[in-house]
Amino acid sequence: MSNPAIEISGAMVAGELGLEVDEFRQLMDVRKIKVLCERGTGEDEGLYRATFYHGDRRARFIVDRHGRPVGG
């Protein structure tokens, strides 16, 4: 099974972290934002949980394989 490249809107993540989009991109470039992406199994197969960390802030998203938000 291959691992698809999941792309999530930088604007969406920046907003959740309380950052401007340009600031978010710069922090990503210098690896000041950490990312954990987990693949769903069983009934969650085909879904991914992506968590972005910056300082003491966290933004978590459940997305499909195209990076589109799912649910709530």
Protein backbone atom coordinates (compact mmCIF):
# COMPACT_ATOMS: atom_id res chain seq x y z
CA MET A 1 0.00 0.00 0.00
CA SER A 2 1.47 3.35 -1.00
CA ASN A 3 1.49 6.43 1.18
CA PRO A 4 -0.11 9.31 -0.74
CA ALA A 5 1.19 12.84 -0.37
CA ILE A 6 -1.44 14.64 1.70
CA GLU A 7 -1.69 18.38 1.10
CA ILE A 8 -3.61 20.54 3.56
CA SER A 9 -4.34 24.22 3.01
CA GLY A 10 -1.65 26.36 4.62
CA ALA A 11 -4.22 29.09 5.22
CA MET A 12 -6.38 26.66 7.18
CA VAL A 13 -3.48 25.50 9.35
CA ALA A 14 -2.11 29.02 9.84
CA GLY A 15 -5.50 30.21 11.03
CA GLU A 16 -5.80 27.43 13.59
CA LEU A 17 -2.30 28.20 14.89
CA GLY A 18 -3.03 31.94 15.10
CA LEU A 19 -0.44 32.79 12.42
CA GLU A 20 -0.46 34.74 9.18
CA VAL A 21 -0.05 32.51 6.10
CA ASP A 22 3.36 33.96 5.18
CA GLU A 23 4.62 33.50 8.74
CA PHE A 24 3.35 29.91 8.74
CA ARG A 25 5.14 29.15 5.46
CA GLN A 26 8.40 30.66 6.75
CA LEU A 27 8.18 28.62 9.95
CA MET A 28 7.52 25.46 7.92
CA ASP A 29 10.56 26.22 5.73
CA VAL A 30 12.85 26.46 8.77
CA ARG A 31 11.20 23.44 10.42
CA LYS A 32 9.80 25.38 13.38
CA ILE A 33 6.44 23.69 12.86
CA LYS A 34 6.31 19.97 13.45
CA VAL A 35 3.81 17.70 11.70
CA LEU A 36 2.48 14.28 12.61
CA CYS A 37 0.28 12.51 10.04
CA GLU A 38 -1.50 9.29 11.01
CA ARG A 39 -3.34 6.97 8.61
CA GLY A 40 -6.73 5.64 9.67
CA THR A 41 -7.40 1.91 9.86
CA GLY A 42 -10.57 -0.18 10.02
CA GLU A 43 -13.64 2.03 9.76
CA ASP A 44 -11.34 5.08 9.44
CA GLU A 45 -9.44 3.66 6.45
CA GLY A 46 -8.94 6.34 3.79
CA LEU A 47 -8.82 9.10 6.40
CA TYR A 48 -5.79 10.82 7.89
CA ARG A 49 -5.25 12.79 11.09
CA ALA A 50 -2.72 15.56 10.61
CA THR A 51 -1.47 17.46 13.64
CA PHE A 52 0.67 20.59 13.37
CA TYR A 53 2.65 21.79 16.41
CA HIS A 54 4.13 25.24 17.00
CA GLY A 55 5.32 26.18 20.47
CA ASP A 56 2.48 25.33 22.84
CA ARG A 57 -0.16 25.45 20.08
CA ARG A 58 -1.64 22.53 18.18
CA ALA A 59 -3.88 22.32 15.12
CA ARG A 60 -5.43 18.95 14.31
CA PHE A 61 -7.37 18.01 11.18
CA ILE A 62 -9.12 14.89 9.94
CA VAL A 63 -8.82 14.83 6.15
CA ASP A 64 -9.40 12.52 3.21
CA ARG A 65 -6.59 11.40 0.89
CA HIS A 66 -6.96 14.67 -1.03
CA GLY A 67 -6.41 16.82 2.07
CA ARG A 68 -10.06 17.88 2.28
CA PRO A 69 -11.40 18.25 5.84
CA VAL A 70 -13.85 15.57 6.94
CA GLY A 71 -16.54 15.91 9.56
CA GLY A 72 -16.97 18.41 12.38
